[in-house]
């Protein structure tokens, strides 16, 4: 696939109370994306340290397509996608010039929080293909984007507009076998954008493990 270095839509939803537990089905719009279907919403700016301690800003990638991926290595839904599918998508995208930023917004002491050597060797341990692993221990960036689960995805165009938000695909399970035949919404959004088409599916309800933010905000409600 070929991704142009150019250019999320509507709301993010509350889906899991924790790993494997369904949450309230009600949806609420992530900050900055209320009218993204019309192509008008700007991605919130941020600056975070990467695994090597370098400060990385969204503004560093102006003019490029950027994928944001919220992750938690202990989450069974993340493990499903990191059985090979997520890494393959990361590598395909970055090979075509897309910037892929994998973000950990888990609070210190919570499952999924990483720092130090564990952060530095994260890419090698998982054979990942992202551009940077970014650490968001305060949760400020995750909350700015309304990220609720791991995984939770955003695609940002070269003008800084969110053109896709939500779940990675249409099979909301933690079973590896369900990757077969699933429609990957991130791949489809990148393909649509590269071809100069409007993104056909600009929002999909996210699923996965709820992000445990530092102050408890953002955790999915129990259904």
N, C-alpha and C. Protein backbone atom coordinates (compact mmCIF):
# COMPACT_ATOMS: atom_id res chain seq x y z
N UNK A 1 0.83 -1.17 0.00
CA UNK A 1 0.00 0.00 0.00
C UNK A 1 0.87 1.23 0.00
N UNK A 2 0.37 2.33 -0.52
CA UNK A 2 1.11 3.57 -0.61
C UNK A 2 0.38 4.66 0.12
N UNK A 3 1.02 5.26 1.05
CA UNK A 3 0.40 6.31 1.83
C UNK A 3 1.03 7.64 1.45
N UNK A 4 0.22 8.62 1.07
CA UNK A 4 0.73 9.95 0.77
C UNK A 4 1.10 10.65 2.06
N UNK A 5 2.06 11.57 1.97
CA UNK A 5 2.43 12.36 3.14
C UNK A 5 1.52 13.58 3.20
N UNK A 6 0.27 13.41 3.42
CA UNK A 6 -0.71 14.47 3.50
C UNK A 6 -1.52 14.36 4.76
N UNK A 7 -2.78 14.50 4.52
CA UNK A 7 -3.80 14.53 5.52
C UNK A 7 -3.90 13.16 6.21
N UNK A 8 -10.59 13.25 13.23
CA UNK A 8 -10.88 11.81 13.20
C UNK A 8 -12.16 12.00 13.38
N UNK A 9 -12.28 11.56 13.25
CA UNK A 9 -13.64 11.96 13.05
C UNK A 9 -14.37 12.03 14.33
N UNK A 10 -15.53 11.57 14.43
CA UNK A 10 -16.47 11.82 15.50
C UNK A 10 -15.98 11.26 16.82
N UNK A 11 -16.88 10.76 17.55
CA UNK A 11 -16.67 10.53 18.95
C UNK A 11 -15.93 9.27 19.27
N UNK A 12 -15.32 9.27 20.46
CA UNK A 12 -14.75 8.07 21.01
C UNK A 12 -15.75 7.51 22.01
N UNK A 13 -15.75 6.18 22.23
CA UNK A 13 -16.79 5.59 23.06
C UNK A 13 -16.20 4.94 24.29
N UNK A 14 -17.06 4.75 25.28
CA UNK A 14 -16.66 4.01 26.47
C UNK A 14 -17.02 2.56 26.25
N UNK A 15 -15.99 1.68 26.19
CA UNK A 15 -16.31 0.32 25.82
C UNK A 15 -15.88 -0.72 26.82
N UNK A 16 -14.76 -0.51 27.51
CA UNK A 16 -14.35 -1.55 28.44
C UNK A 16 -14.11 -1.00 29.83
N UNK A 17 -14.53 -1.72 30.82
CA UNK A 17 -14.26 -1.33 32.20
C UNK A 17 -12.88 -1.78 32.62
N UNK A 18 -12.31 -2.69 31.90
CA UNK A 18 -10.99 -3.21 32.17
C UNK A 18 -10.75 -4.26 31.14
N UNK A 19 -9.62 -4.95 31.23
CA UNK A 19 -9.31 -5.95 30.22
C UNK A 19 -10.39 -7.02 30.20
N UNK A 20 -11.05 -7.14 29.08
CA UNK A 20 -12.01 -8.20 28.88
C UNK A 20 -13.38 -7.93 29.41
N UNK A 21 -13.65 -6.76 30.00
CA UNK A 21 -14.97 -6.49 30.55
C UNK A 21 -15.67 -5.42 29.73
N UNK A 22 -16.86 -5.71 29.17
CA UNK A 22 -17.56 -4.71 28.38
C UNK A 22 -17.99 -3.55 29.25
N UNK A 23 -18.01 -2.36 28.66
CA UNK A 23 -18.38 -1.18 29.41
C UNK A 23 -19.62 -0.54 28.84
N UNK A 24 -19.98 0.58 29.44
CA UNK A 24 -21.11 1.36 29.02
C UNK A 24 -21.04 1.62 27.52
N UNK A 25 -22.13 1.44 26.80
CA UNK A 25 -22.15 1.61 25.36
C UNK A 25 -22.28 3.07 24.96
N UNK A 26 -22.57 3.96 25.88
CA UNK A 26 -22.75 5.36 25.52
C UNK A 26 -21.45 5.94 25.00
N UNK A 27 -21.54 6.89 24.07
CA UNK A 27 -20.35 7.47 23.46
C UNK A 27 -20.23 8.93 23.83
N UNK A 28 -19.00 9.41 23.89
CA UNK A 28 -18.78 10.82 24.09
C UNK A 28 -17.64 11.24 23.18
N UNK A 29 -17.71 12.47 22.67
CA UNK A 29 -16.74 12.91 21.67
C UNK A 29 -15.38 13.17 22.29
N UNK A 30 -14.30 12.64 21.68
CA UNK A 30 -12.97 13.00 22.14
C UNK A 30 -12.73 14.48 21.91
N UNK A 31 -11.95 15.08 22.77
CA UNK A 31 -11.64 16.50 22.62
C UNK A 31 -11.04 16.77 21.26
N UNK A 32 -11.54 17.82 20.61
CA UNK A 32 -10.98 18.24 19.34
C UNK A 32 -11.49 17.50 18.13
N UNK A 33 -12.49 16.60 18.30
CA UNK A 33 -12.93 15.80 17.16
C UNK A 33 -14.42 15.90 16.90
N UNK A 34 -15.11 16.84 17.51
CA UNK A 34 -16.56 16.86 17.42
C UNK A 34 -17.08 16.99 15.99
N UNK A 35 -16.34 17.68 15.13
CA UNK A 35 -16.79 17.87 13.76
C UNK A 35 -15.76 17.37 12.76
N UNK A 36 -14.98 16.36 13.19
CA UNK A 36 -13.89 15.90 12.35
C UNK A 36 -14.38 15.27 11.06
N UNK A 37 -15.62 14.77 11.04
CA UNK A 37 -16.15 14.19 9.81
C UNK A 37 -16.18 15.23 8.71
N UNK A 38 -16.32 16.48 9.08
CA UNK A 38 -16.33 17.56 8.10
C UNK A 38 -14.92 18.04 7.78
N UNK A 39 -13.92 17.41 8.36
CA UNK A 39 -12.54 17.74 8.08
C UNK A 39 -12.07 19.02 8.73
N UNK A 40 -12.76 19.50 9.76
CA UNK A 40 -12.46 20.82 10.32
C UNK A 40 -11.67 20.75 11.61
N UNK A 41 -11.58 19.60 12.24
CA UNK A 41 -11.01 19.54 13.57
C UNK A 41 -9.49 19.39 13.55
N UNK A 42 -8.85 20.11 14.40
CA UNK A 42 -7.40 20.10 14.49
C UNK A 42 -6.97 19.20 15.64
N UNK A 43 -5.96 18.39 15.40
CA UNK A 43 -5.44 17.50 16.44
C UNK A 43 -4.81 18.32 17.55
N UNK A 44 -5.13 18.02 18.82
CA UNK A 44 -4.51 18.77 19.92
C UNK A 44 -2.98 18.64 19.89
N UNK A 45 -2.26 19.73 20.08
CA UNK A 45 -0.79 19.66 20.09
C UNK A 45 -0.31 18.93 21.34
N UNK A 46 0.86 18.36 21.25
CA UNK A 46 1.46 17.73 22.43
C UNK A 46 2.97 17.64 22.25
N UNK A 47 3.64 17.48 23.38
CA UNK A 47 5.07 17.18 23.39
C UNK A 47 5.31 16.18 24.50
N UNK A 48 5.93 15.06 24.15
CA UNK A 48 6.16 13.98 25.09
C UNK A 48 7.58 13.45 24.93
N UNK A 49 8.11 12.86 25.99
CA UNK A 49 9.41 12.20 25.90
C UNK A 49 9.24 10.84 25.25
N UNK A 50 10.18 10.49 24.38
CA UNK A 50 10.15 9.13 23.84
C UNK A 50 10.95 8.20 24.74
N UNK A 51 11.06 6.94 24.34
CA UNK A 51 11.71 5.93 25.18
C UNK A 51 13.18 6.25 25.43
N UNK A 52 13.78 7.06 24.55
CA UNK A 52 15.19 7.42 24.70
C UNK A 52 15.36 8.73 25.45
N UNK A 53 14.24 9.35 25.86
CA UNK A 53 14.32 10.59 26.62
C UNK A 53 14.29 11.85 25.78
N UNK A 54 14.14 11.72 24.46
CA UNK A 54 14.06 12.88 23.59
C UNK A 54 12.65 13.46 23.61
N UNK A 55 12.54 14.77 23.52
CA UNK A 55 11.25 15.43 23.47
C UNK A 55 10.72 15.40 22.03
N UNK A 56 9.53 14.84 21.85
CA UNK A 56 8.92 14.69 20.54
C UNK A 56 7.61 15.47 20.53
N UNK A 57 7.45 16.32 19.53
CA UNK A 57 6.25 17.14 19.41
C UNK A 57 5.47 16.74 18.16
N UNK A 58 4.15 16.82 18.23
CA UNK A 58 3.34 16.59 17.03
C UNK A 58 3.73 17.57 15.93
N UNK A 59 4.08 18.79 16.32
CA UNK A 59 4.45 19.82 15.35
C UNK A 59 5.70 19.44 14.56
N UNK A 60 6.50 18.51 15.08
CA UNK A 60 7.70 18.07 14.37
C UNK A 60 7.36 17.43 13.03
N UNK A 61 6.11 16.96 12.89
CA UNK A 61 5.72 16.17 11.73
C UNK A 61 4.70 16.87 10.85
N UNK A 62 4.72 18.20 10.90
CA UNK A 62 3.81 18.97 10.06
C UNK A 62 4.00 18.58 8.60
N UNK A 63 2.89 18.37 7.89
CA UNK A 63 2.94 17.98 6.49
C UNK A 63 2.94 16.48 6.28
N UNK A 64 3.07 15.72 7.34
CA UNK A 64 3.08 14.27 7.23
C UNK A 64 1.83 13.65 7.84
N UNK A 65 1.47 12.49 7.32
CA UNK A 65 0.41 11.71 7.94
C UNK A 65 0.96 11.07 9.21
N UNK A 66 0.20 11.17 10.30
CA UNK A 66 0.63 10.65 11.59
C UNK A 66 -0.43 9.70 12.14
N UNK A 67 0.00 8.54 12.61
CA UNK A 67 -0.88 7.61 13.32
C UNK A 67 -0.53 7.65 14.80
N UNK A 68 -1.55 7.79 15.64
CA UNK A 68 -1.39 7.65 17.09
C UNK A 68 -2.00 6.34 17.52
N UNK A 69 -1.28 5.58 18.31
CA UNK A 69 -1.74 4.27 18.80
C UNK A 69 -1.52 4.21 20.31
N UNK A 70 -2.61 4.09 21.08
CA UNK A 70 -2.48 3.91 22.53
C UNK A 70 -2.31 2.44 22.83
N UNK A 71 -1.34 2.13 23.68
CA UNK A 71 -1.02 0.73 23.92
C UNK A 71 -0.80 0.43 25.40
N UNK A 72 -0.84 -0.83 25.73
CA UNK A 72 -0.60 -1.36 27.08
C UNK A 72 -0.18 -2.80 26.88
N UNK A 73 1.08 -3.10 27.10
CA UNK A 73 1.59 -4.44 26.77
C UNK A 73 0.94 -5.56 27.57
N UNK A 74 0.31 -5.24 28.70
CA UNK A 74 -0.35 -6.28 29.49
C UNK A 74 -1.78 -6.57 29.07
N UNK A 75 -2.30 -5.79 28.15
CA UNK A 75 -3.70 -5.92 27.75
C UNK A 75 -3.87 -7.06 26.74
N UNK A 76 -4.80 -8.00 26.96
CA UNK A 76 -4.98 -9.11 26.02
C UNK A 76 -5.41 -8.66 24.63
N UNK A 77 -6.09 -7.52 24.54
CA UNK A 77 -6.49 -7.02 23.22
C UNK A 77 -5.27 -6.50 22.46
N UNK A 78 -4.35 -5.87 23.18
CA UNK A 78 -3.10 -5.44 22.56
C UNK A 78 -2.28 -6.65 22.16
N UNK A 79 -2.22 -7.65 23.01
CA UNK A 79 -1.46 -8.86 22.70
C UNK A 79 -2.00 -9.52 21.43
N UNK A 80 -3.32 -9.49 21.26
CA UNK A 80 -3.93 -10.03 20.03
C UNK A 80 -3.31 -9.37 18.81
N UNK A 81 -3.31 -8.04 18.80
CA UNK A 81 -2.83 -7.32 17.62
C UNK A 81 -1.31 -7.38 17.49
N UNK A 82 -0.60 -7.50 18.61
CA UNK A 82 0.85 -7.62 18.56
C UNK A 82 1.31 -9.06 18.34
N UNK A 83 0.41 -9.92 17.93
CA UNK A 83 0.82 -11.25 17.49
C UNK A 83 1.44 -11.19 16.09
N UNK A 84 1.47 -10.01 15.52
CA UNK A 84 2.09 -9.82 14.21
C UNK A 84 1.38 -8.79 13.35
N UNK A 85 0.07 -8.65 13.52
CA UNK A 85 -0.71 -7.76 12.66
C UNK A 85 -0.35 -6.29 12.87
N UNK A 86 -0.22 -5.87 14.14
CA UNK A 86 0.09 -4.47 14.42
C UNK A 86 1.48 -4.12 13.91
N UNK A 87 2.43 -5.01 14.14
CA UNK A 87 3.79 -4.73 13.69
C UNK A 87 3.85 -4.62 12.16
N UNK A 88 3.11 -5.49 11.49
CA UNK A 88 3.11 -5.45 10.02
C UNK A 88 2.51 -4.14 9.51
N UNK A 89 1.43 -3.69 10.14
CA UNK A 89 0.81 -2.44 9.73
C UNK A 89 1.74 -1.26 10.00
N UNK A 90 2.39 -1.26 11.16
CA UNK A 90 3.35 -0.20 11.48
C UNK A 90 4.46 -0.13 10.43
N UNK A 91 4.99 -1.27 10.08
CA UNK A 91 6.12 -1.31 9.14
C UNK A 91 5.69 -0.92 7.74
N UNK A 92 4.50 -1.36 7.32
CA UNK A 92 3.99 -0.95 6.01
C UNK A 92 3.80 0.56 5.95
N UNK A 93 3.21 1.11 7.02
CA UNK A 93 2.93 2.54 7.05
C UNK A 93 4.20 3.36 7.06
N UNK A 94 5.12 3.04 7.95
CA UNK A 94 6.34 3.85 8.06
C UNK A 94 7.22 3.71 6.82
N UNK A 95 7.16 2.56 6.16
CA UNK A 95 7.92 2.40 4.91
C UNK A 95 7.44 3.37 3.85
N UNK A 96 6.19 3.80 3.94
CA UNK A 96 5.62 4.74 2.99
C UNK A 96 5.61 6.17 3.50
N UNK A 97 6.35 6.42 4.58
CA UNK A 97 6.52 7.79 5.04
C UNK A 97 5.57 8.24 6.12
N UNK A 98 4.68 7.37 6.56
CA UNK A 98 3.78 7.72 7.66
C UNK A 98 4.56 7.72 8.97
N UNK A 99 4.28 8.67 9.84
CA UNK A 99 4.89 8.72 11.17
C UNK A 99 3.95 7.99 12.13
N UNK A 100 4.46 7.00 12.83
CA UNK A 100 3.64 6.18 13.74
C UNK A 100 4.12 6.42 15.17
N UNK A 101 3.25 6.99 15.99
CA UNK A 101 3.58 7.29 17.37
C UNK A 101 2.76 6.40 18.30
N UNK A 102 3.43 5.49 18.97
CA UNK A 102 2.79 4.60 19.93
C UNK A 102 2.90 5.24 21.31
N UNK A 103 1.76 5.37 22.00
CA UNK A 103 1.70 6.16 23.23
C UNK A 103 1.28 5.28 24.42
N UNK A 104 2.00 5.41 25.51
CA UNK A 104 1.63 4.75 26.77
C UNK A 104 1.14 5.82 27.73
N UNK A 105 -0.16 5.81 28.03
CA UNK A 105 -0.74 6.80 28.95
C UNK A 105 -1.09 6.20 30.30
N UNK A 106 -0.69 4.95 30.54
CA UNK A 106 -0.95 4.32 31.84
C UNK A 106 -0.22 5.07 32.95
N UNK A 107 -0.88 5.25 34.07
CA UNK A 107 -0.28 5.96 35.19
C UNK A 107 0.80 5.12 35.85
N UNK A 108 1.79 5.77 36.46
CA UNK A 108 2.80 5.03 37.23
C UNK A 108 2.13 4.10 38.24
N UNK A 109 2.58 2.88 38.27
CA UNK A 109 2.02 1.89 39.19
C UNK A 109 0.90 1.07 38.59
N UNK A 110 0.36 1.51 37.46
CA UNK A 110 -0.72 0.77 36.81
C UNK A 110 -0.15 -0.20 35.79
N UNK A 111 -0.92 -1.25 35.48
CA UNK A 111 -0.51 -2.20 34.46
C UNK A 111 -0.29 -1.46 33.14
N UNK A 112 0.83 -1.74 32.50
CA UNK A 112 1.12 -1.12 31.22
C UNK A 112 2.08 0.04 31.30
N UNK A 113 2.25 0.64 32.50
CA UNK A 113 3.19 1.75 32.64
C UNK A 113 4.60 1.24 32.38
N UNK A 114 5.35 2.00 31.59
CA UNK A 114 6.74 1.63 31.30
C UNK A 114 7.65 2.82 31.51
N UNK A 115 8.87 2.55 31.86
CA UNK A 115 9.90 3.58 32.00
C UNK A 115 11.26 2.91 31.95
N UNK A 116 12.29 3.71 31.86
CA UNK A 116 13.66 3.21 31.91
C UNK A 116 13.96 2.18 30.85
N UNK A 117 14.66 1.11 31.27
CA UNK A 117 15.10 0.08 30.33
C UNK A 117 13.92 -0.60 29.64
N UNK A 118 12.81 -0.76 30.37
CA UNK A 118 11.65 -1.41 29.76
C UNK A 118 11.09 -0.60 28.60
N UNK A 119 11.18 0.71 28.71
CA UNK A 119 10.74 1.56 27.61
C UNK A 119 11.74 1.52 26.46
N UNK A 120 13.02 1.57 26.79
CA UNK A 120 14.05 1.61 25.75
C UNK A 120 14.07 0.35 24.91
N UNK A 121 13.78 -0.81 25.51
CA UNK A 121 13.83 -2.04 24.72
C UNK A 121 12.46 -2.52 24.26
N UNK A 122 11.42 -1.69 24.45
CA UNK A 122 10.05 -2.07 24.08
C UNK A 122 9.97 -2.43 22.60
N UNK A 123 10.53 -1.60 21.75
CA UNK A 123 10.46 -1.83 20.30
C UNK A 123 11.12 -3.15 19.92
N UNK A 124 12.27 -3.42 20.51
CA UNK A 124 12.98 -4.66 20.21
C UNK A 124 12.22 -5.87 20.74
N UNK A 125 11.71 -5.76 21.96
CA UNK A 125 10.99 -6.89 22.57
C UNK A 125 9.79 -7.32 21.75
N UNK A 126 9.11 -6.36 21.13
CA UNK A 126 7.89 -6.68 20.40
C UNK A 126 8.09 -6.64 18.88
N UNK A 127 9.31 -6.46 18.44
CA UNK A 127 9.60 -6.39 17.01
C UNK A 127 8.68 -5.38 16.34
N UNK A 128 8.50 -4.25 16.99
CA UNK A 128 7.55 -3.24 16.52
C UNK A 128 8.16 -2.38 15.43
N UNK A 129 7.30 -1.68 14.70
CA UNK A 129 7.75 -0.84 13.59
C UNK A 129 7.35 0.61 13.73
N UNK A 130 7.00 1.05 14.93
CA UNK A 130 6.59 2.44 15.12
C UNK A 130 7.79 3.38 14.96
N UNK A 131 7.49 4.66 14.81
CA UNK A 131 8.53 5.68 14.71
C UNK A 131 9.07 6.02 16.09
N UNK A 132 8.18 6.22 17.06
CA UNK A 132 8.57 6.53 18.44
C UNK A 132 7.59 5.87 19.40
N UNK A 133 8.11 5.43 20.54
CA UNK A 133 7.28 5.07 21.69
C UNK A 133 7.29 6.29 22.61
N UNK A 134 6.11 6.87 22.86
CA UNK A 134 6.00 8.09 23.66
C UNK A 134 5.39 7.78 25.02
N UNK A 135 5.92 8.42 26.05
CA UNK A 135 5.49 8.17 27.42
C UNK A 135 4.67 9.35 27.93
N UNK A 136 3.45 9.06 28.39
CA UNK A 136 2.47 10.07 28.80
C UNK A 136 2.00 9.75 30.23
N UNK A 137 2.92 9.76 31.21
CA UNK A 137 2.56 9.31 32.56
C UNK A 137 1.51 10.16 33.25
N UNK A 138 1.41 11.44 32.90
CA UNK A 138 0.36 12.28 33.50
C UNK A 138 -1.00 12.04 32.84
N UNK A 139 -0.98 11.45 31.65
CA UNK A 139 -2.23 11.20 30.92
C UNK A 139 -2.77 12.41 30.19
N UNK A 140 -2.05 13.52 30.20
CA UNK A 140 -2.58 14.75 29.60
C UNK A 140 -2.86 14.58 28.11
N UNK A 141 -1.95 13.93 27.41
CA UNK A 141 -2.16 13.77 25.97
C UNK A 141 -3.28 12.79 25.68
N UNK A 142 -3.32 11.69 26.39
CA UNK A 142 -4.40 10.72 26.18
C UNK A 142 -5.76 11.34 26.42
N UNK A 143 -5.87 12.13 27.48
CA UNK A 143 -7.16 12.77 27.79
C UNK A 143 -7.50 13.86 26.78
N UNK A 144 -6.49 14.55 26.26
CA UNK A 144 -6.75 15.57 25.24
C UNK A 144 -7.38 14.97 24.00
N UNK A 145 -7.02 13.73 23.71
CA UNK A 145 -7.56 13.04 22.54
C UNK A 145 -8.78 12.16 22.87
N UNK A 146 -9.16 12.10 24.13
CA UNK A 146 -10.29 11.28 24.52
C UNK A 146 -10.02 9.80 24.41
N UNK A 147 -8.76 9.39 24.49
CA UNK A 147 -8.42 7.97 24.39
C UNK A 147 -8.92 7.24 25.62
N UNK A 148 -9.65 6.16 25.40
CA UNK A 148 -10.26 5.40 26.49
C UNK A 148 -9.68 4.01 26.66
N UNK A 149 -9.24 3.42 25.56
CA UNK A 149 -8.88 2.00 25.59
C UNK A 149 -7.52 1.76 24.96
N UNK A 150 -7.01 0.55 25.17
CA UNK A 150 -5.85 0.08 24.41
C UNK A 150 -6.27 -1.19 23.68
N UNK A 151 -6.11 -1.18 22.32
CA UNK A 151 -5.67 -0.04 21.52
C UNK A 151 -6.78 0.99 21.30
N UNK A 152 -6.36 2.22 21.01
CA UNK A 152 -7.27 3.28 20.55
C UNK A 152 -6.44 4.05 19.53
N UNK A 153 -7.03 4.37 18.39
CA UNK A 153 -6.26 4.83 17.25
C UNK A 153 -6.72 6.20 16.75
N UNK A 154 -5.77 6.98 16.24
CA UNK A 154 -6.06 8.23 15.56
C UNK A 154 -5.19 8.30 14.30
N UNK A 155 -5.76 8.86 13.23
CA UNK A 155 -4.98 9.17 12.03
C UNK A 155 -5.12 10.67 11.80
N UNK A 156 -3.99 11.33 11.64
CA UNK A 156 -3.94 12.79 11.48
C UNK A 156 -3.31 13.10 10.13
N UNK A 157 -3.95 13.98 9.37
CA UNK A 157 -3.41 14.31 8.05
C UNK A 157 -2.32 15.38 8.14
N UNK A 158 -1.75 15.70 7.01
CA UNK A 158 -0.63 16.63 6.98
C UNK A 158 -0.97 18.04 7.38
N UNK A 159 -2.27 18.36 7.38
CA UNK A 159 -2.73 19.66 7.84
C UNK A 159 -3.08 19.67 9.32
N UNK A 160 -2.83 18.56 9.99
CA UNK A 160 -3.09 18.48 11.42
C UNK A 160 -4.53 18.19 11.78
N UNK A 161 -5.30 17.65 10.83
CA UNK A 161 -6.71 17.31 11.09
C UNK A 161 -6.85 15.83 11.39
N UNK A 162 -7.70 15.49 12.33
CA UNK A 162 -7.96 14.09 12.67
C UNK A 162 -8.95 13.54 11.64
N UNK A 163 -8.50 12.53 10.90
CA UNK A 163 -9.37 11.97 9.86
C UNK A 163 -9.88 10.57 10.20
N UNK A 164 -9.34 9.97 11.24
CA UNK A 164 -9.90 8.70 11.75
C UNK A 164 -9.70 8.64 13.25
N UNK A 165 -10.70 8.09 13.96
CA UNK A 165 -10.60 7.89 15.40
C UNK A 165 -11.32 6.62 15.80
N UNK A 166 -10.75 5.91 16.76
CA UNK A 166 -11.48 4.80 17.37
C UNK A 166 -10.78 3.47 17.29
N UNK A 167 -11.61 2.42 17.18
CA UNK A 167 -11.12 1.05 17.19
C UNK A 167 -10.29 0.72 15.97
N UNK A 168 -9.40 -0.24 16.12
CA UNK A 168 -8.51 -0.58 15.01
C UNK A 168 -9.21 -1.43 13.96
N UNK A 169 -10.20 -2.23 14.37
CA UNK A 169 -10.89 -3.05 13.37
C UNK A 169 -12.30 -3.37 13.83
N UNK A 170 -12.97 -4.23 13.05
CA UNK A 170 -14.39 -4.53 13.31
C UNK A 170 -14.61 -5.85 14.02
N UNK A 171 -13.56 -6.40 14.66
CA UNK A 171 -13.69 -7.65 15.42
C UNK A 171 -13.29 -7.38 16.87
N UNK A 172 -14.25 -6.90 17.69
CA UNK A 172 -13.92 -6.47 19.06
C UNK A 172 -13.74 -7.64 20.04
N UNK A 173 -12.73 -8.45 19.79
CA UNK A 173 -12.42 -9.57 20.67
C UNK A 173 -10.92 -9.55 20.97
N UNK A 174 -10.50 -10.42 21.90
CA UNK A 174 -9.07 -10.56 22.17
C UNK A 174 -8.52 -11.87 21.60
N UNK A 175 -9.21 -12.43 20.63
CA UNK A 175 -8.82 -13.70 20.02
C UNK A 175 -8.01 -13.48 18.76
N UNK A 176 -6.82 -14.03 18.73
CA UNK A 176 -5.93 -13.86 17.59
C UNK A 176 -6.58 -14.35 16.30
N UNK A 177 -7.34 -15.43 16.38
CA UNK A 177 -7.96 -15.98 15.17
C UNK A 177 -8.95 -15.01 14.52
N UNK A 178 -9.43 -14.04 15.30
CA UNK A 178 -10.39 -13.08 14.74
C UNK A 178 -9.72 -12.00 13.90
N UNK A 179 -8.39 -11.99 13.86
CA UNK A 179 -7.71 -11.09 12.94
C UNK A 179 -7.99 -11.47 11.49
N UNK A 180 -8.20 -12.77 11.27
CA UNK A 180 -8.48 -13.25 9.94
C UNK A 180 -9.84 -12.71 9.48
N UNK A 181 -9.84 -12.01 8.38
CA UNK A 181 -11.09 -11.50 7.83
C UNK A 181 -11.58 -10.21 8.45
N UNK A 182 -10.86 -9.67 9.45
CA UNK A 182 -11.28 -8.41 10.06
C UNK A 182 -10.99 -7.24 9.12
N UNK A 183 -11.83 -6.21 9.19
CA UNK A 183 -11.58 -4.99 8.43
C UNK A 183 -10.78 -4.05 9.31
N UNK A 184 -9.57 -3.76 8.91
CA UNK A 184 -8.71 -2.87 9.69
C UNK A 184 -9.00 -1.43 9.26
N UNK A 185 -9.60 -0.67 10.17
CA UNK A 185 -10.04 0.68 9.84
C UNK A 185 -8.87 1.65 9.65
N UNK A 186 -7.77 1.41 10.35
CA UNK A 186 -6.61 2.29 10.20
C UNK A 186 -5.98 2.09 8.83
N UNK A 187 -5.80 0.86 8.44
CA UNK A 187 -5.26 0.59 7.11
C UNK A 187 -6.16 1.19 6.03
N UNK A 188 -7.48 1.00 6.20
CA UNK A 188 -8.42 1.53 5.21
C UNK A 188 -8.37 3.05 5.16
N UNK A 189 -8.26 3.71 6.32
CA UNK A 189 -8.19 5.17 6.34
C UNK A 189 -6.94 5.67 5.65
N UNK A 190 -5.82 5.01 5.89
CA UNK A 190 -4.58 5.39 5.22
C UNK A 190 -4.67 5.19 3.71
N UNK A 191 -5.29 4.09 3.29
CA UNK A 191 -5.46 3.84 1.87
C UNK A 191 -6.35 4.89 1.22
N UNK A 192 -7.48 5.20 1.89
CA UNK A 192 -8.39 6.22 1.35
C UNK A 192 -7.67 7.56 1.23
N UNK A 193 -6.95 7.91 2.25
CA UNK A 193 -6.28 9.21 2.26
C UNK A 193 -5.21 9.28 1.17
N UNK A 194 -4.44 8.21 1.02
CA UNK A 194 -3.40 8.19 0.01
C UNK A 194 -3.97 8.32 -1.39
N UNK A 195 -5.19 7.78 -1.58
CA UNK A 195 -5.83 7.84 -2.88
C UNK A 195 -6.59 9.13 -3.11
N UNK A 196 -6.59 10.02 -2.12
CA UNK A 196 -7.29 11.28 -2.27
C UNK A 196 -8.78 11.19 -2.06
N UNK A 197 -9.23 10.08 -1.45
CA UNK A 197 -10.65 9.90 -1.18
C UNK A 197 -10.97 10.30 0.25
N UNK A 198 -12.22 10.73 0.49
CA UNK A 198 -12.64 10.90 1.89
C UNK A 198 -12.54 9.54 2.61
N UNK A 199 -12.20 9.57 3.88
CA UNK A 199 -12.11 8.33 4.65
C UNK A 199 -13.51 7.75 4.80
N UNK A 200 -13.71 6.54 4.30
CA UNK A 200 -15.04 5.94 4.28
C UNK A 200 -15.57 5.68 5.68
N UNK A 201 -14.73 5.16 6.55
CA UNK A 201 -15.10 4.95 7.95
C UNK A 201 -14.20 5.84 8.78
N UNK A 202 -14.77 6.96 9.24
CA UNK A 202 -13.96 7.94 9.96
C UNK A 202 -14.00 7.75 11.47
N UNK A 203 -14.93 6.93 11.95
CA UNK A 203 -15.00 6.61 13.38
C UNK A 203 -15.51 5.19 13.55
N UNK A 204 -14.90 4.47 14.48
CA UNK A 204 -15.40 3.16 14.89
C UNK A 204 -15.26 3.06 16.39
N UNK A 205 -16.24 2.49 17.03
CA UNK A 205 -16.20 2.39 18.50
C UNK A 205 -14.96 1.61 18.94
N UNK A 206 -14.15 2.18 19.80
CA UNK A 206 -12.94 1.49 20.24
C UNK A 206 -13.26 0.33 21.18
N UNK A 207 -12.35 -0.60 21.25
CA UNK A 207 -12.49 -1.71 22.19
C UNK A 207 -11.11 -2.07 22.73
N UNK A 208 -11.09 -2.66 23.91
CA UNK A 208 -9.83 -3.06 24.52
C UNK A 208 -9.88 -2.91 26.02
N UNK A 209 -8.73 -2.69 26.63
CA UNK A 209 -8.63 -2.48 28.08
C UNK A 209 -8.69 -0.99 28.37
N UNK A 210 -9.39 -0.60 29.40
CA UNK A 210 -9.50 0.81 29.72
C UNK A 210 -8.16 1.36 30.19
N UNK A 211 -7.86 2.58 29.77
CA UNK A 211 -6.63 3.25 30.19
C UNK A 211 -6.80 3.73 31.62
N UNK A 212 -5.87 3.38 32.48
CA UNK A 212 -5.91 3.81 33.88
C UNK A 212 -5.06 5.09 34.00
N UNK A 213 -5.74 6.22 33.96
CA UNK A 213 -5.05 7.50 34.05
C UNK A 213 -4.61 7.80 35.47
N UNK A 214 -3.67 8.73 35.59
CA UNK A 214 -3.06 9.05 36.89
C UNK A 214 -4.08 9.49 37.93
N UNK A 215 -5.10 10.26 37.51
CA UNK A 215 -6.10 10.73 38.47
C UNK A 215 -7.40 9.94 38.40
N UNK A 216 -7.37 8.83 37.67
CA UNK A 216 -8.56 8.01 37.52
C UNK A 216 -9.48 8.45 36.42
N UNK A 217 -9.23 9.61 35.83
CA UNK A 217 -10.08 10.09 34.73
C UNK A 217 -9.85 9.24 33.50
N UNK A 218 -10.91 9.03 32.75
CA UNK A 218 -10.79 8.32 31.50
C UNK A 218 -11.05 6.84 31.60
N UNK A 219 -11.12 6.29 32.82
CA UNK A 219 -11.42 4.88 32.96
C UNK A 219 -12.84 4.62 32.50
N UNK A 220 -13.03 3.54 31.78
CA UNK A 220 -14.35 3.21 31.28
C UNK A 220 -15.29 2.83 32.42
N UNK A 221 -16.55 3.18 32.27
CA UNK A 221 -17.53 2.83 33.29
C UNK A 221 -17.98 1.39 33.14
N UNK A 222 -18.29 0.78 34.25
CA UNK A 222 -18.79 -0.58 34.19
C UNK A 222 -20.20 -0.59 33.63
N UNK A 223 -20.46 -1.59 32.77
CA UNK A 223 -21.79 -1.68 32.18
C UNK A 223 -22.73 -2.43 33.09
